[in-house]
Amino acid sequence: MPKIRALFILGIIIVILPTQFIGVPYEWKSFLIAIMGAAVSFLTFLHYKELKRKYASRESTLSDSSFEDNRAEDHN
């Protein structure tokens, strides 16, 4: 799950970045936070699409097997 790991790391960086102790200029901080926010949104969207595809294939597999089971019962 590289997407989940990337989201976790980005989250940690977003929490640490606003602190004053790391010496990053304000302009860089605001730019980096904006880029990381966009990256989090993009990775979340990709993860959502992946899960949606998984559940759609699982539902179609379940509906196909239940259709075959019903058809087999009708012939008996």
C-alpha atoms as a PDB file:
ATOM      1  CA  MET A   1       0.000   0.000   0.000  1.00  0.00           C
ATOM      2  CA  PRO A   2       2.377   2.708  -1.153  1.00  0.00           C
ATOM      3  CA  LYS A   3      -0.454   5.285  -1.394  1.00  0.00           C
ATOM      4  CA  ILE A   4      -1.337   4.851   2.266  1.00  0.00           C
ATOM      5  CA  ARG A   5       2.323   5.120   3.267  1.00  0.00           C
ATOM      6  CA  ALA A   6       2.715   8.298   1.180  1.00  0.00           C
ATOM      7  CA  LEU A   7      -0.380   9.799   2.814  1.00  0.00           C
ATOM      8  CA  PHE A   8       0.997   8.973   6.250  1.00  0.00           C
ATOM      9  CA  ILE A   9       4.385  10.545   5.514  1.00  0.00           C
ATOM     10  CA  LEU A  10       2.788  13.650   3.985  1.00  0.00           C
ATOM     11  CA  GLY A  11       0.589  13.987   7.058  1.00  0.00           C
ATOM     12  CA  ILE A  12       3.594  13.878   9.365  1.00  0.00           C
ATOM     13  CA  ILE A  13       5.443  16.460   7.263  1.00  0.00           C
ATOM     14  CA  ILE A  14       2.391  18.734   7.235  1.00  0.00           C
ATOM     15  CA  VAL A  15       2.261  18.548  11.035  1.00  0.00           C
ATOM     16  CA  ILE A  16       5.991  19.233  11.478  1.00  0.00           C
ATOM     17  CA  LEU A  17       6.459  21.875   8.751  1.00  0.00           C
ATOM     18  CA  PRO A  18       4.649  24.814  10.407  1.00  0.00           C
ATOM     19  CA  THR A  19       6.911  24.704  13.460  1.00  0.00           C
ATOM     20  CA  GLN A  20       9.411  27.548  13.778  1.00  0.00           C
ATOM     21  CA  PHE A  21      12.333  25.325  14.747  1.00  0.00           C
ATOM     22  CA  ILE A  22      13.248  23.841  11.375  1.00  0.00           C
ATOM     23  CA  GLY A  23      14.284  27.156   9.802  1.00  0.00           C
ATOM     24  CA  VAL A  24      12.262  27.008   6.582  1.00  0.00           C
ATOM     25  CA  PRO A  25      11.303  30.476   5.274  1.00  0.00           C
ATOM     26  CA  TYR A  26       7.610  31.379   5.434  1.00  0.00           C
ATOM     27  CA  GLU A  27       7.234  31.545   1.632  1.00  0.00           C
ATOM     28  CA  TRP A  28       8.611  28.035   1.284  1.00  0.00           C
ATOM     29  CA  LYS A  29       6.365  26.749   4.063  1.00  0.00           C
ATOM     30  CA  SER A  30       3.196  28.058   2.455  1.00  0.00           C
ATOM     31  CA  PHE A  31       4.269  26.721  -0.953  1.00  0.00           C
ATOM     32  CA  LEU A  32       5.180  23.291   0.427  1.00  0.00           C
ATOM     33  CA  ILE A  33       1.964  23.015   2.427  1.00  0.00           C
ATOM     34  CA  ALA A  34      -0.072  23.871  -0.680  1.00  0.00           C
ATOM     35  CA  ILE A  35       1.791  21.277  -2.775  1.00  0.00           C
ATOM     36  CA  MET A  36       1.474  18.625  -0.068  1.00  0.00           C
ATOM     37  CA  GLY A  37      -2.227  19.374   0.346  1.00  0.00           C
ATOM     38  CA  ALA A  38      -2.718  18.857  -3.386  1.00  0.00           C
ATOM     39  CA  ALA A  39      -0.711  15.618  -3.187  1.00  0.00           C
ATOM     40  CA  VAL A  40      -2.846  14.352  -0.291  1.00  0.00           C
ATOM     41  CA  SER A  41      -6.007  15.161  -2.243  1.00  0.00           C
ATOM     42  CA  PHE A  42      -4.695  13.415  -5.357  1.00  0.00           C
ATOM     43  CA  LEU A  43      -3.545  10.300  -3.484  1.00  0.00           C
ATOM     44  CA  THR A  44      -6.856  10.121  -1.638  1.00  0.00           C
ATOM     45  CA  PHE A  45      -8.727  10.348  -4.940  1.00  0.00           C
ATOM     46  CA  LEU A  46      -6.593   7.544  -6.435  1.00  0.00           C
ATOM     47  CA  HIS A  47      -7.196   5.385  -3.361  1.00  0.00           C
ATOM     48  CA  TYR A  48     -10.948   6.042  -3.582  1.00  0.00           C
ATOM     49  CA  LYS A  49     -11.005   5.013  -7.261  1.00  0.00           C
ATOM     50  CA  GLU A  50      -9.051   1.845  -6.460  1.00  0.00           C
ATOM     51  CA  LEU A  51     -11.440   0.867  -3.649  1.00  0.00           C
ATOM     52  CA  LYS A  52     -14.459   1.644  -5.803  1.00  0.00           C
ATOM     53  CA  ARG A  53     -13.097  -0.612  -8.565  1.00  0.00           C
ATOM     54  CA  LYS A  54     -12.410  -3.418  -6.052  1.00  0.00           C
ATOM     55  CA  TYR A  55     -15.908  -3.287  -4.574  1.00  0.00           C
ATOM     56  CA  ALA A  56     -17.533  -3.071  -8.014  1.00  0.00           C
ATOM     57  CA  SER A  57     -15.711  -6.208  -9.170  1.00  0.00           C
ATOM     58  CA  ARG A  58     -16.584  -7.966  -5.914  1.00  0.00           C
ATOM     59  CA  GLU A  59     -20.277  -7.084  -6.304  1.00  0.00           C
ATOM     60  CA  SER A  60     -20.356  -8.278  -9.908  1.00  0.00           C
ATOM     61  CA  THR A  61     -18.717 -11.557  -8.863  1.00  0.00           C
ATOM     62  CA  LEU A  62     -21.291 -12.024  -6.103  1.00  0.00           C
ATOM     63  CA  SER A  63     -24.224 -11.239  -8.375  1.00  0.00           C
ATOM     64  CA  ASP A  64     -22.932 -13.590 -11.099  1.00  0.00           C
ATOM     65  CA  SER A  65     -22.543 -16.486  -8.660  1.00  0.00           C
ATOM     66  CA  SER A  66     -25.967 -15.916  -7.116  1.00  0.00           C
ATOM     67  CA  PHE A  67     -27.508 -15.867 -10.590  1.00  0.00           C
ATOM     68  CA  GLU A  68     -25.862 -19.204 -11.404  1.00  0.00           C
ATOM     69  CA  ASP A  69     -27.042 -20.679  -8.088  1.00  0.00           C
ATOM     70  CA  ASN A  70     -30.628 -19.614  -8.762  1.00  0.00           C
ATOM     71  CA  ARG A  71     -30.507 -21.039 -12.268  1.00  0.00           C
ATOM     72  CA  ALA A  72     -29.187 -24.380 -10.959  1.00  0.00           C
ATOM     73  CA  GLU A  73     -32.021 -24.552  -8.402  1.00  0.00           C
ATOM     74  CA  ASP A  74     -34.620 -23.940 -11.124  1.00  0.00           C
ATOM     75  CA  HIS A  75     -33.459 -27.009 -13.059  1.00  0.00           C
ATOM     76  CA  ASN A  76     -33.804 -29.359 -10.081  1.00  0.00           C
END
